[in-house]
Protein backbone atom coordinates (compact mmCIF):
# COMPACT_ATOMS: atom_id res chain seq x y z
CA MET A 1 -18.94 -61.15 2.15
CA SER A 2 -16.45 -63.75 3.49
CA LYS A 3 -13.36 -61.88 3.09
CA SER A 4 -14.57 -58.58 4.30
CA ILE A 5 -16.03 -60.04 7.53
CA SER A 6 -12.85 -62.01 8.21
CA ILE A 7 -10.68 -58.92 7.77
CA LEU A 8 -12.87 -56.23 9.44
CA ASP A 9 -14.02 -58.34 12.32
CA LYS A 10 -11.15 -59.90 14.44
CA ASP A 11 -13.73 -61.87 16.75
CA TYR A 12 -15.28 -63.44 13.73
CA ALA A 13 -12.02 -64.36 12.17
CA GLN A 14 -10.53 -65.77 15.50
CA TRP A 15 -13.81 -67.86 15.78
CA VAL A 16 -13.49 -69.15 12.33
CA GLU A 17 -10.02 -70.06 12.84
CA ASP A 18 -10.88 -71.73 16.36
CA LEU A 19 -13.62 -73.68 14.61
CA SER A 20 -11.19 -74.88 11.91
CA VAL A 21 -8.58 -76.12 14.42
CA ARG A 22 -11.18 -78.02 16.14
CA TYR A 23 -12.35 -79.63 13.02
CA ARG A 24 -8.91 -80.69 12.07
CA GLN A 25 -8.37 -82.18 15.61
CA SER A 26 -11.73 -84.05 15.30
CA GLN A 27 -10.49 -85.48 12.06
CA ILE A 28 -7.49 -87.01 13.76
CA ARG A 29 -9.48 -88.29 16.70
CA ALA A 30 -12.19 -89.66 14.25
CA SER A 31 -9.61 -92.27 13.13
CA VAL A 32 -10.54 -94.08 16.37
CA LYS A 33 -14.13 -92.71 17.17
CA VAL A 34 -15.22 -91.25 13.85
CA ASN A 35 -18.82 -90.73 14.58
CA ARG A 36 -18.69 -89.80 18.12
CA GLU A 37 -16.17 -87.05 17.63
CA LEU A 38 -17.87 -85.67 14.52
CA LEU A 39 -21.10 -85.42 16.37
CA ARG A 40 -19.43 -83.73 19.46
CA TYR A 41 -17.98 -81.16 17.00
CA TYR A 42 -21.39 -80.55 15.58
CA TRP A 43 -22.81 -80.09 19.11
CA GLU A 44 -19.99 -77.63 20.05
CA LEU A 45 -20.65 -75.77 16.77
CA GLY A 46 -24.35 -75.50 17.40
CA ARG A 47 -23.65 -74.45 20.97
CA ASP A 48 -21.27 -71.58 19.76
CA ILE A 49 -23.93 -70.32 17.17
CA GLU A 50 -26.40 -70.10 20.13
CA ASP A 51 -24.09 -68.84 22.88
CA MET A 52 -22.39 -66.25 20.73
CA HIS A 53 -25.71 -65.12 19.12
CA VAL A 54 -23.93 -65.15 15.62
CA GLU A 55 -27.10 -64.45 13.53
CA GLU A 56 -27.92 -61.41 15.59
CA ARG A 57 -24.44 -60.33 15.60
CA TRP A 58 -23.35 -60.82 11.98
CA GLY A 59 -26.71 -61.28 10.15
CA GLN A 60 -28.86 -64.23 8.90
CA GLY A 61 -26.66 -64.68 5.93
CA ILE A 62 -23.62 -65.48 8.30
CA ILE A 63 -24.25 -69.37 8.25
CA LYS A 64 -23.69 -69.49 4.49
CA ASN A 65 -20.59 -67.27 4.81
CA LEU A 66 -19.40 -69.45 7.77
CA SER A 67 -19.68 -72.58 5.59
CA ALA A 68 -17.71 -71.11 2.84
CA ASP A 69 -14.98 -70.02 5.36
CA LEU A 70 -14.70 -73.44 7.14
CA GLN A 71 -14.72 -75.15 3.77
CA GLN A 72 -11.82 -72.88 2.43
CA ARG A 73 -9.70 -73.72 5.51
CA ASN A 74 -10.67 -77.25 5.32
CA PRO A 75 -10.83 -78.04 1.41
CA ASN A 76 -11.24 -82.01 1.99
CA ALA A 77 -14.17 -81.55 4.57
CA THR A 78 -17.50 -83.07 3.52
CA GLY A 79 -19.57 -82.03 6.56
CA LEU A 80 -19.31 -78.24 6.71
CA SER A 81 -22.13 -77.39 4.13
CA ARG A 82 -24.52 -74.72 5.12
CA THR A 83 -27.17 -77.31 5.46
CA ASN A 84 -25.13 -79.31 8.12
CA ILE A 85 -24.33 -76.24 10.00
CA TYR A 86 -28.16 -75.59 10.30
CA TYR A 87 -28.41 -79.01 11.46
CA ALA A 88 -25.71 -78.56 13.96
CA LYS A 89 -27.63 -75.64 15.41
CA LYS A 90 -30.95 -77.83 15.55
CA PHE A 91 -28.96 -80.61 17.11
CA TYR A 92 -27.75 -78.50 19.91
CA LEU A 93 -31.03 -76.57 20.52
CA LEU A 94 -33.12 -80.03 20.53
CA TYR A 95 -31.14 -81.88 23.06
CA SER A 96 -29.77 -79.01 25.08
CA GLN A 97 -33.58 -78.53 26.15
CA TYR A 98 -33.69 -82.10 27.10
CA PHE A 99 -30.46 -82.21 29.16
CA ASN A 100 -31.39 -79.09 30.89
CA ASN A 101 -34.55 -81.15 32.43
CA ILE A 102 -32.41 -83.80 34.14
CA PRO A 103 -35.02 -84.97 36.49
CA GLN A 104 -37.36 -86.02 33.81
CA VAL A 105 -34.47 -87.36 31.73
CA VAL A 106 -33.45 -89.78 34.30
CA GLY A 107 -36.74 -91.46 34.17
CA GLN A 108 -36.14 -92.73 30.62
CA PHE A 109 -32.41 -93.37 31.51
CA GLU A 110 -33.22 -96.05 34.20
CA ALA A 111 -33.60 -98.80 31.59
CA ILE A 112 -30.04 -98.63 30.73
CA GLU A 113 -28.58 -97.37 34.07
CA SER A 114 -27.58 -99.56 37.05
CA PRO A 115 -30.32 -99.90 39.81
CA GLN A 116 -28.06 -98.06 42.30
CA ILE A 117 -28.32 -94.93 40.11
CA ALA A 118 -31.78 -95.29 39.11
CA GLY A 119 -32.65 -95.45 42.73
CA GLU A 120 -30.91 -92.37 43.73
CA ASN A 121 -32.07 -90.33 40.58
CA GLN A 122 -33.40 -87.48 42.93
CA SER A 123 -29.88 -86.68 44.25
CA SER A 124 -28.33 -83.64 42.49
CA GLU A 125 -24.85 -85.32 43.08
CA ASN A 126 -25.73 -87.89 40.41
CA ILE A 127 -26.69 -85.36 37.58
CA PRO A 128 -23.04 -84.80 36.27
CA GLN A 129 -22.66 -88.68 35.97
CA VAL A 130 -26.03 -89.08 34.30
CA VAL A 131 -25.51 -86.12 31.96
CA GLY A 132 -22.05 -87.67 30.97
CA GLN A 133 -23.54 -90.91 30.29
CA LEU A 134 -26.45 -89.51 28.23
CA ASP A 135 -23.88 -87.49 26.45
CA GLU A 136 -22.26 -90.69 25.31
CA ILE A 137 -25.64 -92.07 24.21
CA LEU A 138 -26.39 -88.99 22.09
CA PHE A 139 -23.19 -89.19 20.13
CA SER A 140 -23.29 -92.92 19.58
CA ILE A 141 -25.54 -93.12 16.47
CA PRO A 142 -24.81 -91.91 12.93
CA TRP A 143 -25.46 -88.37 11.93
CA GLY A 144 -27.74 -89.45 9.07
CA HIS A 145 -30.04 -91.00 11.84
CA HIS A 146 -30.03 -87.73 13.73
CA ARG A 147 -30.97 -85.67 10.79
CA TYR A 148 -34.07 -87.71 10.33
CA LEU A 149 -34.95 -87.44 13.97
CA MET A 150 -34.47 -83.60 13.97
CA ASP A 151 -36.70 -83.32 10.88
CA LYS A 152 -39.55 -85.33 12.53
CA TYR A 153 -39.25 -84.40 16.17
CA SER A 154 -37.80 -81.01 16.15
CA LYS A 155 -40.23 -79.91 18.98
CA ASP A 156 -40.38 -83.16 20.94
CA PRO A 157 -36.73 -83.80 22.27
CA ALA A 158 -37.92 -86.71 24.74
CA LYS A 159 -39.13 -88.74 21.63
CA ALA A 160 -36.15 -87.88 19.52
CA PHE A 161 -33.80 -89.15 22.40
CA TYR A 162 -35.91 -92.11 22.83
CA TYR A 163 -35.16 -93.28 19.34
CA VAL A 164 -31.60 -92.42 19.89
CA ARG A 165 -31.51 -94.69 22.88
CA LYS A 166 -33.20 -97.58 21.16
CA THR A 167 -31.04 -97.30 18.00
CA MET A 168 -27.80 -97.45 20.24
CA GLU A 169 -29.11 -100.45 22.29
CA GLU A 170 -30.38 -102.42 19.45
CA GLY A 171 -28.15 -101.38 16.61
CA TRP A 172 -30.73 -100.23 14.27
CA SER A 173 -29.91 -99.44 10.83
CA ARG A 174 -31.49 -96.14 9.35
CA ASP A 175 -34.28 -98.10 7.66
CA VAL A 176 -35.14 -100.03 10.73
CA MET A 177 -35.29 -96.95 12.79
CA LEU A 178 -37.48 -95.25 10.23
CA ASN A 179 -39.76 -98.16 10.23
CA GLN A 180 -40.04 -97.92 14.00
CA MET A 181 -40.49 -94.30 13.94
CA ASP A 182 -43.42 -94.77 11.37
CA SER A 183 -44.89 -97.66 13.49
CA ASN A 184 -45.22 -95.07 16.47
CA LEU A 185 -43.11 -97.52 18.51
CA TYR A 186 -42.55 -94.65 21.21
CA GLU A 187 -46.34 -94.73 21.66
CA ARG A 188 -46.67 -98.47 21.73
CA GLU A 189 -43.57 -99.69 23.89
CA GLY A 190 -44.55 -100.99 27.27
CA LYS A 191 -48.35 -100.28 26.80
CA ALA A 192 -49.62 -104.10 27.09
CA LEU A 193 -51.99 -104.78 29.97
CA THR A 194 -50.10 -106.75 32.46
CA ASN A 195 -50.16 -107.87 36.06
CA PHE A 196 -46.28 -107.75 36.22
CA LYS A 197 -46.21 -105.32 39.19
CA ASN A 198 -48.09 -107.89 41.28
CA THR A 199 -46.39 -111.07 40.01
CA LEU A 200 -42.80 -110.23 39.59
CA PRO A 201 -39.91 -108.47 41.53
CA GLU A 202 -39.92 -104.79 41.07
CA VAL A 203 -36.90 -104.59 38.71
CA THR A 204 -37.81 -107.53 36.82
CA SER A 205 -41.39 -106.09 36.43
CA GLU A 206 -40.37 -102.85 34.97
CA LEU A 207 -38.04 -104.45 32.28
CA ALA A 208 -40.83 -106.95 31.31
CA GLN A 209 -43.19 -104.19 30.85
CA GLU A 210 -40.87 -102.22 28.81
CA LEU A 211 -40.47 -105.41 26.49
CA THR A 212 -44.20 -105.31 25.73
CA LYS A 213 -46.12 -103.41 23.06
CA ASP A 214 -49.80 -102.64 22.24
CA PRO A 215 -50.51 -103.09 19.49
CA TYR A 216 -47.94 -105.29 17.92
CA HIS A 217 -47.67 -104.45 14.08
CA PHE A 218 -47.63 -107.60 12.10
CA ALA A 219 -48.16 -105.81 8.63
CA PHE A 220 -44.90 -107.50 7.55
CA THR A 221 -46.75 -110.79 7.14
CA GLY A 222 -48.52 -109.42 4.10
CA ILE A 223 -51.73 -110.88 5.04
CA THR A 224 -54.66 -109.29 3.26
CA GLN A 225 -57.11 -112.21 2.80
CA PRO A 226 -59.15 -114.00 5.32
CA TYR A 227 -57.06 -116.11 7.40
CA ASN A 228 -56.93 -118.44 10.52
CA GLU A 229 -54.55 -118.83 13.45
CA ARG A 230 -52.33 -121.22 11.69
CA ILE A 231 -51.87 -119.17 8.55
CA LEU A 232 -51.06 -116.24 11.06
CA LYS A 233 -48.49 -118.00 13.03
CA ASP A 234 -46.94 -119.58 9.72
CA ALA A 235 -46.70 -115.96 8.36
CA LEU A 236 -45.13 -114.70 11.44
CA LEU A 237 -42.37 -117.42 11.44
CA ASN A 238 -41.83 -117.03 7.71
CA ASN A 239 -40.93 -113.42 8.56
CA ILE A 240 -38.97 -114.51 11.65
CA THR A 241 -36.58 -111.67 11.39
CA HIS A 242 -39.23 -109.03 11.22
CA PHE A 243 -41.10 -110.86 14.01
CA LEU A 244 -38.14 -110.82 16.40
CA THR A 245 -37.54 -107.06 15.67
CA GLU A 246 -41.30 -106.35 16.50
CA LEU A 247 -40.97 -108.37 19.75
CA GLY A 248 -38.06 -106.31 20.70
CA THR A 249 -34.43 -106.80 22.27
CA GLY A 250 -33.28 -110.26 23.55
CA PHE A 251 -35.81 -112.59 22.08
CA ALA A 252 -34.68 -116.00 21.08
CA TYR A 253 -37.05 -118.41 19.16
CA VAL A 254 -37.46 -121.88 20.69
CA GLY A 255 -40.42 -123.33 18.91
CA LYS A 256 -43.78 -123.40 17.39
CA GLU A 257 -46.62 -125.41 18.70
CA TYR A 258 -44.17 -126.42 21.39
CA ARG A 259 -45.27 -129.84 23.00
CA LEU A 260 -45.81 -130.15 26.58
CA GLU A 261 -47.12 -133.46 28.20
CA ILE A 262 -49.08 -132.38 31.07
CA GLY A 263 -50.28 -135.35 33.18
CA LYS A 264 -51.66 -137.61 30.46
CA THR A 265 -52.61 -134.78 28.11
CA GLU A 266 -50.56 -133.37 25.11
CA ASN A 267 -50.66 -129.51 25.02
CA PHE A 268 -49.01 -127.31 22.34
CA ILE A 269 -47.84 -123.78 23.04
CA ASP A 270 -48.43 -121.46 20.02
CA LEU A 271 -45.01 -119.82 20.21
CA LEU A 272 -42.22 -120.14 22.72
CA PHE A 273 -39.41 -117.78 23.17
CA TYR A 274 -36.64 -117.17 25.59
CA ASN A 275 -35.66 -113.64 26.44
CA LEU A 276 -32.04 -113.35 27.22
CA ASN A 277 -32.46 -109.79 29.04
CA LEU A 278 -35.06 -111.33 31.40
CA SER A 279 -33.47 -114.83 31.60
CA CYS A 280 -36.88 -116.49 31.15
CA TYR A 281 -39.05 -118.24 28.89
CA VAL A 282 -41.78 -116.34 27.30
CA VAL A 283 -45.06 -118.22 26.18
CA ILE A 284 -46.80 -116.44 23.31
CA GLU A 285 -50.45 -117.33 22.47
CA VAL A 286 -51.98 -115.65 19.21
CA LYS A 287 -55.76 -115.48 18.93
CA ILE A 288 -57.44 -114.09 15.78
CA GLY A 289 -60.64 -113.16 17.58
CA LYS A 290 -61.66 -111.27 20.59
CA PHE A 291 -60.15 -111.88 24.04
CA GLU A 292 -62.11 -114.18 26.44
CA PHE A 293 -61.64 -114.95 30.03
CA SER A 294 -60.93 -118.71 29.19
CA ASP A 295 -57.76 -117.42 27.21
CA ILE A 296 -56.19 -116.37 30.54
CA GLY A 297 -56.67 -119.69 32.20
CA GLN A 298 -55.07 -121.49 29.21
CA LEU A 299 -52.14 -119.05 28.98
CA GLY A 300 -51.58 -119.30 32.86
CA GLY A 301 -51.55 -123.04 32.73
CA TYR A 302 -48.97 -123.17 29.84
CA VAL A 303 -46.86 -120.71 32.13
CA VAL A 304 -46.98 -123.02 35.10
CA ALA A 305 -46.06 -126.05 32.96
CA CYS A 306 -43.09 -124.26 31.52
CA ASN A 307 -41.87 -123.46 35.14
CA HIS A 308 -42.12 -127.09 36.09
CA GLN A 309 -40.81 -128.66 33.09
CA LEU A 310 -38.34 -126.19 31.27
CA ARG A 311 -37.24 -123.59 33.91
CA LYS A 312 -33.98 -124.38 35.53
CA GLU A 313 -33.77 -123.40 39.14
CA GLY A 314 -31.12 -120.67 39.58
CA ARG A 315 -30.63 -120.09 36.05
CA ASP A 316 -33.96 -119.12 34.86
CA ASN A 317 -36.49 -116.46 36.13
CA PRO A 318 -40.12 -117.19 36.36
CA THR A 319 -41.88 -117.73 32.90
CA ILE A 320 -43.93 -115.03 31.33
CA GLY A 321 -47.05 -115.38 29.34
CA LEU A 322 -48.19 -112.93 26.58
CA LEU A 323 -51.68 -113.20 24.76
CA ILE A 324 -51.76 -111.37 21.35
CA CYS A 325 -55.25 -110.99 20.22
CA LYS A 326 -57.15 -109.06 17.48
CA GLU A 327 -59.35 -107.20 19.89
CA LYS A 328 -59.82 -106.93 23.62
CA ASP A 329 -62.09 -105.12 26.18
CA ARG A 330 -59.76 -103.35 28.49
CA VAL A 331 -61.82 -103.92 31.53
CA GLN A 332 -62.54 -107.46 30.89
CA ALA A 333 -58.89 -108.15 30.24
CA GLN A 334 -57.91 -106.22 33.41
CA TYR A 335 -60.33 -108.34 35.40
CA ALA A 336 -58.83 -111.41 34.03
CA LEU A 337 -55.18 -110.46 34.74
CA GLU A 338 -56.21 -109.66 38.42
CA SER A 339 -57.58 -113.28 38.71
CA SER A 340 -54.27 -114.94 37.93
CA SER A 341 -51.02 -115.30 40.15
CA GLN A 342 -48.74 -115.94 37.10
CA PRO A 343 -47.07 -112.98 35.27
CA LEU A 344 -49.08 -112.41 32.12
CA GLY A 345 -49.85 -109.69 29.62
CA ILE A 346 -52.65 -109.00 26.97
CA SER A 347 -51.93 -106.83 23.70
CA GLU A 348 -53.62 -106.63 20.52
CA TYR A 349 -52.10 -106.86 16.89
CA ASP A 350 -52.48 -105.05 13.61
CA LEU A 351 -52.01 -106.34 10.19
CA GLU A 352 -52.53 -103.04 8.40
CA LYS A 353 -49.59 -100.95 7.02
CA PHE A 354 -49.09 -97.75 8.92
CA TYR A 355 -48.52 -94.61 6.92
CA PRO A 356 -47.25 -91.58 8.78
CA GLU A 357 -48.78 -88.07 8.52
CA LYS A 358 -46.82 -85.61 6.53
CA VAL A 359 -43.88 -84.27 8.58
CA GLU A 360 -40.99 -82.11 7.84
CA GLY A 361 -38.23 -84.14 6.09
CA THR A 362 -40.46 -86.77 4.46
CA ILE A 363 -42.34 -85.33 1.53
CA PRO A 364 -40.76 -82.00 0.67
CA THR A 365 -42.89 -79.02 -0.55
CA ILE A 366 -42.19 -77.16 -3.62
CA GLU A 367 -40.64 -74.34 -1.61
CA GLU A 368 -38.42 -76.95 0.11
CA ILE A 369 -37.28 -78.39 -3.22
CA GLU A 370 -36.39 -74.91 -4.65
CA ALA A 371 -34.54 -73.96 -1.61
CA LYS A 372 -32.59 -77.03 -1.93
CA LEU A 373 -31.79 -76.55 -5.70
CA SER A 374 -30.77 -72.96 -4.89
CA GLU A 375 -28.51 -73.92 -2.10
CA ARG A 376 -26.70 -76.38 -4.30
CA ASN A 377 -26.29 -73.83 -7.03
CA GLU A 378 -24.68 -71.41 -4.51
CA GLU A 379 -22.27 -74.13 -3.10
């Protein structure tokens, strides 16, 4: 089939030759930007498949044929299998939907865009610039990451692009990204109850809110038996790398049971961090029980004390407090937050391991296994 189509259909033959030239050119440029250029090639390949209606034009078997023709012209290529070409099509279909809906896209983009652009996001004049920068983000993470995202979020480009952006910002490995996907980070991020809008400047409050989660997943501590607050805090610090990953970008550990002398009384903050993105101290109190009104008073007092004793005027922004408890009544927590003039947040934590539901690309079906074996035999 490969030879007959290449000989009898000049348009197809020209297209294959054009793709081959593009591929060789991408290999040359890839010596500097390997991943970015390869992903750009896959994007253009997927776009061609859609724009040229190749499957309607030459039949459903054309992708297999195309793979064989491209590999024949590029014998050292490793990324032109039939599977990868299908992924290239999915890649284009998934994110082209997203890019075509720019007004909604810009909302997520504000977190990594300058305040000037974000403030003008309703202007059509900014769309080309925003699209270009979104394009740079999309091509910045490895193809292997993208394949997992396409398998799991093939009908949810907003969620897929969220994980692309987070992977780029935080330099996640594939395993870390998969763990964050399995922990439903998209649904948890920025969901803590806070009073940040009323107690922080607008730009700072939005970033501070995004850095919160609800619930926090502490399954990495391995705690399965009855425990107290000291055991939980020790377990968090014994797994400090996982703890910092769960907290999010920019957190630096300062101390546990950090001593503050307030008047003539010794006080000890459960956990003290400094966030480099916010340029502020973050007081974290951990409670193994249900939230109570008195917890906010204690947390707010620690925040004020940090502002007086640790914060450097002109260098540090106002201290933020975060209470992480086992359980909270949302109405009670909201009332407590409204009563405080300090920037505070309340979240829950979960010690149980999260197991995702079956999705495409995780546990293959018998049909998928047979299809994969058949494909390998054909190649």
